[in-house]
Amino acid sequence: MLDLARSALHQHSGLTAPLALLSPVNDAYGKPGLLPSKHRLEMCARSLEQQQQQQQSLSSLLPPEPPLPCHLSSLTRLDPWEAQQPVYMRTLEVMDHVRERITQGDWSGLSPPISESEASSLGRVDKSSRVVLVCGADLVHSFLKPGVWKDEHLAAILDPVNHGVVCIDRDVVVVDEDDDDDDHNGTGGQGGKQNGDRGLVTLIKRHNLLKRGWEAGGIMITSDPEGPSPISSTMVREKISRGESIGSLVGNKVEDYIQEEGLYRDSGRDEEEVKRGPRDDWQLVANWKE
């Protein structure tokens, strides 16, 4: 998700992302079937640790290569702050916390830890950088459900000057370039065929959430140009319940932890969970800089 968001922001708005944070939701959210935060934090940490180790191993084996383009070289870390709070934290409160980290240059508690050289690089980040929410289409749909979001919070999150939303839509629909509504992807009508969920965008536009592109509307919708991914959390949980290996999907370290703790053995989805409305187990908050 983060790689797609980085590429979309750079392609359509020229933005780069020095830091992306994974922020698991607080236990007090109360979603049926939601694992205790200690497990979700540990799985996130192990996944990022394995990714870092793989990158280091490859670097030691391969000849030096030119650095990645800035929009693809972002650090990705786990921030346990939201999950560790004594009460449920709303999304804007988490984004405000990230803003405080940027302002104070406080990178403590992140996993894997920020190195001295990385901290030095982050120290040069503009204090007025945007803090952007990266999420799936289900969460954006919830913007339109009465009572789910506070109006003032939604207005702040959709403010493209300080925040904004990048929606990674799993479904891919090709939008006609001569369609009357040329802003389906929140790209300001730049022309050419764009990918995006036509139904989602129409719904958002009907409620005046998506206006004339990213700079005015605060929502950018993008999807994988290679096509919809067959991987989902539901599929992973179902594989676990059937005793199938998931190492190729989540990494060996995460698979080992799931087996050790006996997690996700019952993959049935509670009917009440569907009624509550969406909230991803991971709130993906990224700090984007022009």
C-alpha atoms as a PDB file:
ATOM      1  CA  MET A   1       0.000   0.000   0.000  1.00  0.00           C
ATOM      2  CA  LEU A   2       2.699   2.463   0.951  1.00  0.00           C
ATOM      3  CA  ASP A   3       4.700   1.914  -2.232  1.00  0.00           C
ATOM      4  CA  LEU A   4       1.585   2.578  -4.316  1.00  0.00           C
ATOM      5  CA  ALA A   5       0.826   5.690  -2.279  1.00  0.00           C
ATOM      6  CA  ARG A   6       4.381   7.011  -2.640  1.00  0.00           C
ATOM      7  CA  SER A   7       4.338   6.512  -6.402  1.00  0.00           C
ATOM      8  CA  ALA A   8       0.902   8.089  -6.813  1.00  0.00           C
ATOM      9  CA  LEU A   9       1.784  11.164  -4.773  1.00  0.00           C
ATOM     10  CA  HIS A  10       5.031  11.659  -6.646  1.00  0.00           C
ATOM     11  CA  GLN A  11       3.448  11.113 -10.063  1.00  0.00           C
ATOM     12  CA  HIS A  12       0.427  13.349  -9.558  1.00  0.00           C
ATOM     13  CA  SER A  13       1.622  15.960  -7.068  1.00  0.00           C
ATOM     14  CA  GLY A  14       5.431  15.808  -7.018  1.00  0.00           C
ATOM     15  CA  LEU A  15       5.485  14.899  -3.314  1.00  0.00           C
ATOM     16  CA  THR A  16       8.084  12.724  -1.605  1.00  0.00           C
ATOM     17  CA  ALA A  17       7.780  10.743   1.607  1.00  0.00           C
ATOM     18  CA  PRO A  18      10.718  10.650   4.033  1.00  0.00           C
ATOM     19  CA  LEU A  19       8.813   8.563   6.602  1.00  0.00           C
ATOM     20  CA  ALA A  20       5.835   6.196   6.719  1.00  0.00           C
ATOM     21  CA  LEU A  21       4.415   4.907  10.000  1.00  0.00           C
ATOM     22  CA  LEU A  22       2.285   1.855  10.738  1.00  0.00           C
ATOM     23  CA  SER A  23      -0.056   2.599  13.637  1.00  0.00           C
ATOM     24  CA  PRO A  24      -2.157  -0.362  14.862  1.00  0.00           C
ATOM     25  CA  VAL A  25      -5.540   0.631  16.264  1.00  0.00           C
ATOM     26  CA  ASN A  26      -6.115   0.723  20.039  1.00  0.00           C
ATOM     27  CA  ASP A  27      -7.735  -2.309  21.686  1.00  0.00           C
ATOM     28  CA  ALA A  28     -10.534  -0.051  22.954  1.00  0.00           C
ATOM     29  CA  TYR A  29     -11.852   0.204  19.391  1.00  0.00           C
ATOM     30  CA  GLY A  30     -13.722  -2.958  20.336  1.00  0.00           C
ATOM     31  CA  LYS A  31     -14.052  -4.549  16.912  1.00  0.00           C
ATOM     32  CA  PRO A  32     -15.122  -8.210  17.240  1.00  0.00           C
ATOM     33  CA  GLY A  33     -12.253 -10.501  16.310  1.00  0.00           C
ATOM     34  CA  LEU A  34      -9.620  -7.775  16.733  1.00  0.00           C
ATOM     35  CA  LEU A  35      -6.485  -9.335  18.195  1.00  0.00           C
ATOM     36  CA  PRO A  36      -4.961  -7.774  21.334  1.00  0.00           C
ATOM     37  CA  SER A  37      -2.538  -5.033  20.391  1.00  0.00           C
ATOM     38  CA  LYS A  38       0.453  -6.939  21.804  1.00  0.00           C
ATOM     39  CA  HIS A  39       0.034  -9.476  18.990  1.00  0.00           C
ATOM     40  CA  ARG A  40      -0.585  -6.925  16.256  1.00  0.00           C
ATOM     41  CA  LEU A  41       2.395  -4.844  17.348  1.00  0.00           C
ATOM     42  CA  GLU A  42       4.640  -7.893  17.430  1.00  0.00           C
ATOM     43  CA  MET A  43       3.585  -9.020  13.950  1.00  0.00           C
ATOM     44  CA  CYS A  44       4.197  -5.544  12.527  1.00  0.00           C
ATOM     45  CA  ALA A  45       7.599  -5.381  14.208  1.00  0.00           C
ATOM     46  CA  ARG A  46       8.619  -8.814  12.932  1.00  0.00           C
ATOM     47  CA  SER A  47       7.495  -7.995   9.408  1.00  0.00           C
ATOM     48  CA  LEU A  48       9.516  -4.787   9.290  1.00  0.00           C
ATOM     49  CA  GLU A  49      12.498  -6.489  10.938  1.00  0.00           C
ATOM     50  CA  GLN A  50      12.501  -9.246   8.321  1.00  0.00           C
ATOM     51  CA  GLN A  51      12.184  -6.695   5.528  1.00  0.00           C
ATOM     52  CA  GLN A  52      15.151  -4.754   6.903  1.00  0.00           C
ATOM     53  CA  GLN A  53      17.257  -7.912   7.226  1.00  0.00           C
ATOM     54  CA  GLN A  54      16.469  -8.958   3.675  1.00  0.00           C
ATOM     55  CA  GLN A  55      17.460  -5.538   2.361  1.00  0.00           C
ATOM     56  CA  GLN A  56      20.739  -5.654   4.288  1.00  0.00           C
ATOM     57  CA  SER A  57      21.508  -9.163   3.015  1.00  0.00           C
ATOM     58  CA  LEU A  58      20.893  -8.146  -0.579  1.00  0.00           C
ATOM     59  CA  SER A  59      23.026  -5.034  -0.153  1.00  0.00           C
ATOM     60  CA  SER A  60      25.959  -7.151   1.031  1.00  0.00           C
ATOM     61  CA  LEU A  61      25.692  -9.563  -1.903  1.00  0.00           C
ATOM     62  CA  LEU A  62      25.046  -7.187  -4.771  1.00  0.00           C
ATOM     63  CA  PRO A  63      27.330  -4.500  -6.213  1.00  0.00           C
ATOM     64  CA  PRO A  64      26.514  -0.939  -5.163  1.00  0.00           C
ATOM     65  CA  GLU A  65      23.578   0.542  -7.014  1.00  0.00           C
ATOM     66  CA  PRO A  66      22.458   4.145  -7.497  1.00  0.00           C
ATOM     67  CA  PRO A  67      20.136   5.310  -4.713  1.00  0.00           C
ATOM     68  CA  LEU A  68      16.409   4.854  -5.247  1.00  0.00           C
ATOM     69  CA  PRO A  69      14.378   7.836  -6.411  1.00  0.00           C
ATOM     70  CA  CYS A  70      13.400   9.921  -3.397  1.00  0.00           C
ATOM     71  CA  HIS A  71       9.719   8.999  -3.683  1.00  0.00           C
ATOM     72  CA  LEU A  72      10.584   5.287  -3.293  1.00  0.00           C
ATOM     73  CA  SER A  73      13.279   5.504  -0.608  1.00  0.00           C
ATOM     74  CA  SER A  74      11.060   6.318   2.366  1.00  0.00           C
ATOM     75  CA  LEU A  75      11.672   4.793   5.761  1.00  0.00           C
ATOM     76  CA  THR A  76       8.855   2.604   7.086  1.00  0.00           C
ATOM     77  CA  ARG A  77       8.519   2.122  10.836  1.00  0.00           C
ATOM     78  CA  LEU A  78       6.055   0.870  13.434  1.00  0.00           C
ATOM     79  CA  ASP A  79       4.723   3.476  15.874  1.00  0.00           C
ATOM     80  CA  PRO A  80       3.146   1.780  18.936  1.00  0.00           C
ATOM     81  CA  TRP A  81       1.841   5.047  20.424  1.00  0.00           C
ATOM     82  CA  GLU A  82      -1.814   4.650  19.368  1.00  0.00           C
ATOM     83  CA  ALA A  83      -2.053   1.045  20.540  1.00  0.00           C
ATOM     84  CA  GLN A  84      -0.429   1.869  23.888  1.00  0.00           C
ATOM     85  CA  GLN A  85      -2.862   4.627  24.895  1.00  0.00           C
ATOM     86  CA  PRO A  86      -5.350   3.853  27.709  1.00  0.00           C
ATOM     87  CA  VAL A  87      -8.326   4.839  25.513  1.00  0.00           C
ATOM     88  CA  TYR A  88      -9.381   4.602  21.881  1.00  0.00           C
ATOM     89  CA  MET A  89      -7.709   7.250  19.751  1.00  0.00           C
ATOM     90  CA  ARG A  90      -9.464   8.796  16.761  1.00  0.00           C
ATOM     91  CA  THR A  91      -7.578   9.011  13.492  1.00  0.00           C
ATOM     92  CA  LEU A  92      -7.021  12.772  13.622  1.00  0.00           C
ATOM     93  CA  GLU A  93      -5.553  12.441  17.128  1.00  0.00           C
ATOM     94  CA  VAL A  94      -3.043   9.934  15.774  1.00  0.00           C
ATOM     95  CA  MET A  95      -2.162  12.250  12.899  1.00  0.00           C
ATOM     96  CA  ASP A  96      -1.689  15.105  15.379  1.00  0.00           C
ATOM     97  CA  HIS A  97       0.700  12.863  17.329  1.00  0.00           C
ATOM     98  CA  VAL A  98       2.736  12.310  14.159  1.00  0.00           C
ATOM     99  CA  ARG A  99       2.771  16.073  13.641  1.00  0.00           C
ATOM    100  CA  GLU A 100       4.252  16.472  17.146  1.00  0.00           C
ATOM    101  CA  ARG A 101       6.964  13.942  16.306  1.00  0.00           C
ATOM    102  CA  ILE A 102       7.917  15.981  13.245  1.00  0.00           C
ATOM    103  CA  THR A 103       7.887  19.285  15.117  1.00  0.00           C
ATOM    104  CA  GLN A 104       9.935  17.962  18.046  1.00  0.00           C
ATOM    105  CA  GLY A 105      12.165  15.664  16.008  1.00  0.00           C
ATOM    106  CA  ASP A 106      11.166  12.834  18.358  1.00  0.00           C
ATOM    107  CA  TRP A 107      11.642   9.409  16.742  1.00  0.00           C
ATOM    108  CA  SER A 108      11.812   7.436  19.987  1.00  0.00           C
ATOM    109  CA  GLY A 109       9.886   4.191  20.357  1.00  0.00           C
ATOM    110  CA  LEU A 110       9.731   3.401  16.646  1.00  0.00           C
ATOM    111  CA  SER A 111      10.504  -0.122  15.454  1.00  0.00           C
ATOM    112  CA  PRO A 112      12.983  -0.878  14.018  1.00  0.00           C
ATOM    113  CA  PRO A 113      14.798   1.979  15.791  1.00  0.00           C
ATOM    114  CA  ILE A 114      15.803   5.028  13.779  1.00  0.00           C
ATOM    115  CA  SER A 115      19.579   5.116  13.290  1.00  0.00           C
ATOM    116  CA  GLU A 116      21.678   8.231  13.844  1.00  0.00           C
ATOM    117  CA  SER A 117      22.088   8.806  10.125  1.00  0.00           C
ATOM    118  CA  GLU A 118      18.349   8.337   9.554  1.00  0.00           C
ATOM    119  CA  ALA A 119      17.542  10.717  12.413  1.00  0.00           C
ATOM    120  CA  SER A 120      19.884  13.265  10.885  1.00  0.00           C
ATOM    121  CA  SER A 121      18.097  12.943   7.547  1.00  0.00           C
ATOM    122  CA  LEU A 122      14.661  13.247   9.177  1.00  0.00           C
ATOM    123  CA  GLY A 123      15.900  16.284  11.090  1.00  0.00           C
ATOM    124  CA  ARG A 124      16.001  18.150   7.794  1.00  0.00           C
ATOM    125  CA  VAL A 125      12.301  17.509   7.141  1.00  0.00           C
ATOM    126  CA  ASP A 126      10.231  20.669   6.825  1.00  0.00           C
ATOM    127  CA  LYS A 127       8.257  21.098  10.061  1.00  0.00           C
ATOM    128  CA  SER A 128       5.205  22.056   8.015  1.00  0.00           C
ATOM    129  CA  SER A 129       5.160  18.794   6.048  1.00  0.00           C
ATOM    130  CA  ARG A 130       1.792  17.194   5.470  1.00  0.00           C
ATOM    131  CA  VAL A 131       0.711  14.190   7.510  1.00  0.00           C
ATOM    132  CA  VAL A 132      -1.303  12.018   5.139  1.00  0.00           C
ATOM    133  CA  LEU A 133      -3.589   9.076   5.889  1.00  0.00           C
ATOM    134  CA  VAL A 134      -3.115   6.036   3.648  1.00  0.00           C
ATOM    135  CA  CYS A 135      -6.080   3.681   3.696  1.00  0.00           C
ATOM    136  CA  GLY A 136      -8.327   1.348   1.726  1.00  0.00           C
ATOM    137  CA  ALA A 137     -11.634   2.073   0.009  1.00  0.00           C
ATOM    138  CA  ASP A 138     -13.688   0.674   2.906  1.00  0.00           C
ATOM    139  CA  LEU A 139     -12.456   3.390   5.219  1.00  0.00           C
ATOM    140  CA  VAL A 140     -13.147   6.131   2.677  1.00  0.00           C
ATOM    141  CA  HIS A 141     -16.683   4.768   2.261  1.00  0.00           C
ATOM    142  CA  SER A 142     -17.119   5.181   6.016  1.00  0.00           C
ATOM    143  CA  PHE A 143     -16.600   8.944   5.588  1.00  0.00           C
ATOM    144  CA  LEU A 144     -20.148   9.015   4.240  1.00  0.00           C
ATOM    145  CA  LYS A 145     -21.770   7.135   7.128  1.00  0.00           C
ATOM    146  CA  PRO A 146     -23.511   9.448   9.623  1.00  0.00           C
ATOM    147  CA  GLY A 147     -22.059   9.323  13.113  1.00  0.00           C
ATOM    148  CA  VAL A 148     -18.895   7.410  12.242  1.00  0.00           C
ATOM    149  CA  TRP A 149     -16.657  10.486  11.937  1.00  0.00           C
ATOM    150  CA  LYS A 150     -16.828  13.845  13.685  1.00  0.00           C
ATOM    151  CA  ASP A 151     -17.468  16.532  11.078  1.00  0.00           C
ATOM    152  CA  GLU A 152     -14.609  18.711  12.306  1.00  0.00           C
ATOM    153  CA  HIS A 153     -12.209  15.749  12.276  1.00  0.00           C
ATOM    154  CA  LEU A 154     -13.162  14.785   8.731  1.00  0.00           C
ATOM    155  CA  ALA A 155     -12.755  18.379   7.565  1.00  0.00           C
ATOM    156  CA  ALA A 156      -9.257  18.489   9.078  1.00  0.00           C
ATOM    157  CA  ILE A 157      -8.207  15.118   7.631  1.00  0.00           C
ATOM    158  CA  LEU A 158      -9.404  16.138   4.164  1.00  0.00           C
ATOM    159  CA  ASP A 159      -7.601  19.487   4.350  1.00  0.00           C
ATOM    160  CA  PRO A 160      -4.998  19.142   1.557  1.00  0.00           C
ATOM    161  CA  VAL A 161      -2.775  21.853   3.019  1.00  0.00           C
ATOM    162  CA  ASN A 162      -1.957  20.050   6.267  1.00  0.00           C
ATOM    163  CA  HIS A 163      -3.225  16.522   5.686  1.00  0.00           C
ATOM    164  CA  GLY A 164      -5.048  14.610   2.950  1.00  0.00           C
ATOM    165  CA  VAL A 165      -5.967  11.002   2.181  1.00  0.00           C
ATOM    166  CA  VAL A 166      -4.500   8.509  -0.274  1.00  0.00           C
ATOM    167  CA  CYS A 167      -6.987   5.713  -0.914  1.00  0.00           C
ATOM    168  CA  ILE A 168      -5.540   2.463  -2.263  1.00  0.00           C
ATOM    169  CA  ASP A 169      -8.432   0.796  -4.038  1.00  0.00           C
ATOM    170  CA  ARG A 170      -8.097  -2.951  -4.566  1.00  0.00           C
ATOM    171  CA  ASP A 171     -10.426  -2.987  -7.592  1.00  0.00           C
ATOM    172  CA  VAL A 172      -9.227  -1.593 -10.900  1.00  0.00           C
ATOM    173  CA  VAL A 173     -11.633   0.090 -13.288  1.00  0.00           C
ATOM    174  CA  VAL A 174     -10.416   1.864 -16.431  1.00  0.00           C
ATOM    175  CA  VAL A 175     -12.035   5.300 -16.695  1.00  0.00           C
ATOM    176  CA  ASP A 176     -12.735   6.666 -20.172  1.00  0.00           C
ATOM    177  CA  GLU A 177     -10.583   9.695 -20.898  1.00  0.00           C
ATOM    178  CA  ASP A 178     -13.490  11.467 -22.634  1.00  0.00           C
ATOM    179  CA  ASP A 179     -15.869  10.849 -19.708  1.00  0.00           C
ATOM    180  CA  ASP A 180     -17.593  14.016 -18.486  1.00  0.00           C
ATOM    181  CA  ASP A 181     -16.135  13.580 -14.996  1.00  0.00           C
ATOM    182  CA  ASP A 182     -12.407  13.806 -15.689  1.00  0.00           C
ATOM    183  CA  ASP A 183     -11.321  13.870 -12.044  1.00  0.00           C
ATOM    184  CA  HIS A 184     -12.136  10.291 -11.108  1.00  0.00           C
ATOM    185  CA  ASN A 185      -8.729   9.710  -9.598  1.00  0.00           C
ATOM    186  CA  GLY A 186      -8.360  12.988  -7.772  1.00  0.00           C
ATOM    187  CA  THR A 187      -5.581  14.008 -10.144  1.00  0.00           C
ATOM    188  CA  GLY A 188      -7.018  17.297 -11.328  1.00  0.00           C
ATOM    189  CA  GLY A 189      -8.128  15.986 -14.732  1.00  0.00           C
ATOM    190  CA  GLN A 190      -4.645  15.509 -16.127  1.00  0.00           C
ATOM    191  CA  GLY A 191      -5.929  13.483 -19.060  1.00  0.00           C
ATOM    192  CA  GLY A 192      -5.258   9.928 -20.123  1.00  0.00           C
ATOM    193  CA  LYS A 193      -6.810   6.781 -18.730  1.00  0.00           C
ATOM    194  CA  GLN A 194      -6.785   6.512 -14.971  1.00  0.00           C
ATOM    195  CA  ASN A 195      -7.398   3.593 -12.637  1.00  0.00           C
ATOM    196  CA  GLY A 196      -9.899   3.814  -9.824  1.00  0.00           C
ATOM    197  CA  ASP A 197     -13.158   2.548  -8.393  1.00  0.00           C
ATOM    198  CA  ARG A 198     -15.831   4.363 -10.439  1.00  0.00           C
ATOM    199  CA  GLY A 199     -18.493   3.603  -7.846  1.00  0.00           C
ATOM    200  CA  LEU A 200     -16.357   4.889  -4.989  1.00  0.00           C
ATOM    201  CA  VAL A 201     -15.421   8.103  -6.771  1.00  0.00           C
ATOM    202  CA  THR A 202     -19.003   8.767  -7.863  1.00  0.00           C
ATOM    203  CA  LEU A 203     -20.173   8.299  -4.291  1.00  0.00           C
ATOM    204  CA  ILE A 204     -17.537  10.696  -2.980  1.00  0.00           C
ATOM    205  CA  LYS A 205     -18.235  13.322  -5.643  1.00  0.00           C
ATOM    206  CA  ARG A 206     -21.955  13.150  -4.952  1.00  0.00           C
ATOM    207  CA  HIS A 207     -21.216  14.162  -1.373  1.00  0.00           C
ATOM    208  CA  ASN A 208     -18.788  16.895  -2.458  1.00  0.00           C
ATOM    209  CA  LEU A 209     -15.785  15.223  -0.812  1.00  0.00           C
ATOM    210  CA  LEU A 210     -13.735  15.014  -3.990  1.00  0.00           C
ATOM    211  CA  LYS A 211     -13.485  18.371  -5.739  1.00  0.00           C
ATOM    212  CA  ARG A 212     -11.011  19.511  -8.372  1.00  0.00           C
ATOM    213  CA  GLY A 213      -8.178  17.119  -7.671  1.00  0.00           C
ATOM    214  CA  TRP A 214      -5.747  16.618  -4.800  1.00  0.00           C
ATOM    215  CA  GLU A 215      -4.976  20.261  -4.189  1.00  0.00           C
ATOM    216  CA  ALA A 216      -8.639  21.136  -3.583  1.00  0.00           C
ATOM    217  CA  GLY A 217     -10.299  17.903  -2.520  1.00  0.00           C
ATOM    218  CA  GLY A 218      -7.864  16.218  -0.150  1.00  0.00           C
ATOM    219  CA  ILE A 219      -8.457  12.675  -1.484  1.00  0.00           C
ATOM    220  CA  MET A 220      -6.295  10.885  -4.022  1.00  0.00           C
ATOM    221  CA  ILE A 221      -7.518   7.501  -5.256  1.00  0.00           C
ATOM    222  CA  THR A 222      -5.088   5.078  -6.834  1.00  0.00           C
ATOM    223  CA  SER A 223      -4.743   1.361  -7.482  1.00  0.00           C
ATOM    224  CA  ASP A 224      -2.132  -1.139  -8.576  1.00  0.00           C
ATOM    225  CA  PRO A 225      -1.395  -0.657 -12.300  1.00  0.00           C
ATOM    226  CA  GLU A 226      -0.596  -4.385 -12.467  1.00  0.00           C
ATOM    227  CA  GLY A 227      -4.197  -5.211 -11.577  1.00  0.00           C
ATOM    228  CA  PRO A 228      -6.113  -6.057  -8.394  1.00  0.00           C
ATOM    229  CA  SER A 229      -4.145  -8.002  -5.810  1.00  0.00           C
ATOM    230  CA  PRO A 230      -5.634 -11.364  -4.786  1.00  0.00           C
ATOM    231  CA  ILE A 231      -4.103 -11.005  -1.312  1.00  0.00           C
ATOM    232  CA  SER A 232      -6.325  -9.880   1.542  1.00  0.00           C
ATOM    233  CA  SER A 233      -6.352 -10.271   5.309  1.00  0.00           C
ATOM    234  CA  THR A 234      -9.460 -12.441   5.001  1.00  0.00           C
ATOM    235  CA  MET A 235      -7.679 -14.787   2.602  1.00  0.00           C
ATOM    236  CA  VAL A 236      -4.678 -15.033   4.928  1.00  0.00           C
ATOM    237  CA  ARG A 237      -6.871 -15.847   7.933  1.00  0.00           C
ATOM    238  CA  GLU A 238      -8.733 -18.507   5.954  1.00  0.00           C
ATOM    239  CA  LYS A 239      -5.452 -20.121   4.910  1.00  0.00           C
ATOM    240  CA  ILE A 240      -4.373 -20.230   8.556  1.00  0.00           C
ATOM    241  CA  SER A 241      -7.649 -21.881   9.581  1.00  0.00           C
ATOM    242  CA  ARG A 242      -7.061 -24.550   6.913  1.00  0.00           C
ATOM    243  CA  GLY A 243      -3.508 -25.157   8.103  1.00  0.00           C
ATOM    244  CA  GLU A 244      -1.917 -23.818   4.919  1.00  0.00           C
ATOM    245  CA  SER A 245       1.416 -22.000   4.826  1.00  0.00           C
ATOM    246  CA  ILE A 246       1.320 -18.189   4.641  1.00  0.00           C
ATOM    247  CA  GLY A 247       5.066 -17.515   4.770  1.00  0.00           C
ATOM    248  CA  SER A 248       5.155 -16.293   1.179  1.00  0.00           C
ATOM    249  CA  LEU A 249       2.387 -13.792   1.995  1.00  0.00           C
ATOM    250  CA  VAL A 250       3.370 -12.391   5.396  1.00  0.00           C
ATOM    251  CA  GLY A 251       6.986 -13.521   5.840  1.00  0.00           C
ATOM    252  CA  ASN A 252       8.419 -16.397   7.861  1.00  0.00           C
ATOM    253  CA  LYS A 253       8.873 -14.383  11.052  1.00  0.00           C
ATOM    254  CA  VAL A 254       5.202 -13.420  11.154  1.00  0.00           C
ATOM    255  CA  GLU A 255       4.070 -16.924  10.234  1.00  0.00           C
ATOM    256  CA  ASP A 256       6.186 -18.393  13.034  1.00  0.00           C
ATOM    257  CA  TYR A 257       4.668 -15.982  15.555  1.00  0.00           C
ATOM    258  CA  ILE A 258       1.113 -16.779  14.442  1.00  0.00           C
ATOM    259  CA  GLN A 259       1.787 -20.489  14.866  1.00  0.00           C
ATOM    260  CA  GLU A 260       3.514 -20.049  18.225  1.00  0.00           C
ATOM    261  CA  GLU A 261       0.603 -18.035  19.613  1.00  0.00           C
ATOM    262  CA  GLY A 262      -2.156 -20.033  17.927  1.00  0.00           C
ATOM    263  CA  LEU A 263      -3.673 -16.942  16.297  1.00  0.00           C
ATOM    264  CA  TYR A 264      -6.472 -16.773  13.728  1.00  0.00           C
ATOM    265  CA  ARG A 265      -7.529 -20.375  14.131  1.00  0.00           C
ATOM    266  CA  ASP A 266     -11.172 -19.315  13.860  1.00  0.00           C
ATOM    267  CA  SER A 267     -11.500 -17.244  10.691  1.00  0.00           C
ATOM    268  CA  GLY A 268     -15.280 -16.862  10.875  1.00  0.00           C
ATOM    269  CA  ARG A 269     -16.393 -13.250  10.493  1.00  0.00           C
ATOM    270  CA  ASP A 270     -18.814 -12.096  13.150  1.00  0.00           C
ATOM    271  CA  GLU A 271     -22.015 -10.572  11.746  1.00  0.00           C
ATOM    272  CA  GLU A 272     -21.716  -7.712  14.241  1.00  0.00           C
ATOM    273  CA  GLU A 273     -18.299  -6.890  12.804  1.00  0.00           C
ATOM    274  CA  VAL A 274     -19.868  -6.199   9.425  1.00  0.00           C
ATOM    275  CA  LYS A 275     -22.468  -3.898  10.970  1.00  0.00           C
ATOM    276  CA  ARG A 276     -19.937  -1.802  12.892  1.00  0.00           C
ATOM    277  CA  GLY A 277     -18.375  -0.330   9.785  1.00  0.00           C
ATOM    278  CA  PRO A 278     -14.765  -0.481   8.588  1.00  0.00           C
ATOM    279  CA  ARG A 279     -11.640   0.423  10.476  1.00  0.00           C
ATOM    280  CA  ASP A 280      -8.451  -1.254   9.348  1.00  0.00           C
ATOM    281  CA  ASP A 281      -6.407  -2.957  12.029  1.00  0.00           C
ATOM    282  CA  TRP A 282      -3.506  -0.857  10.765  1.00  0.00           C
ATOM    283  CA  GLN A 283      -3.909   2.866  10.396  1.00  0.00           C
ATOM    284  CA  LEU A 284      -1.207   3.830   7.940  1.00  0.00           C
ATOM    285  CA  VAL A 285      -0.021   7.344   8.554  1.00  0.00           C
ATOM    286  CA  ALA A 286       2.631   8.858   6.344  1.00  0.00           C
ATOM    287  CA  ASN A 287       4.542  12.101   6.544  1.00  0.00           C
ATOM    288  CA  TRP A 288       4.836  13.580   3.059  1.00  0.00           C
ATOM    289  CA  LYS A 289       7.096  16.433   2.038  1.00  0.00           C
ATOM    290  CA  GLU A 290       7.179  18.417  -1.179  1.00  0.00           C
END
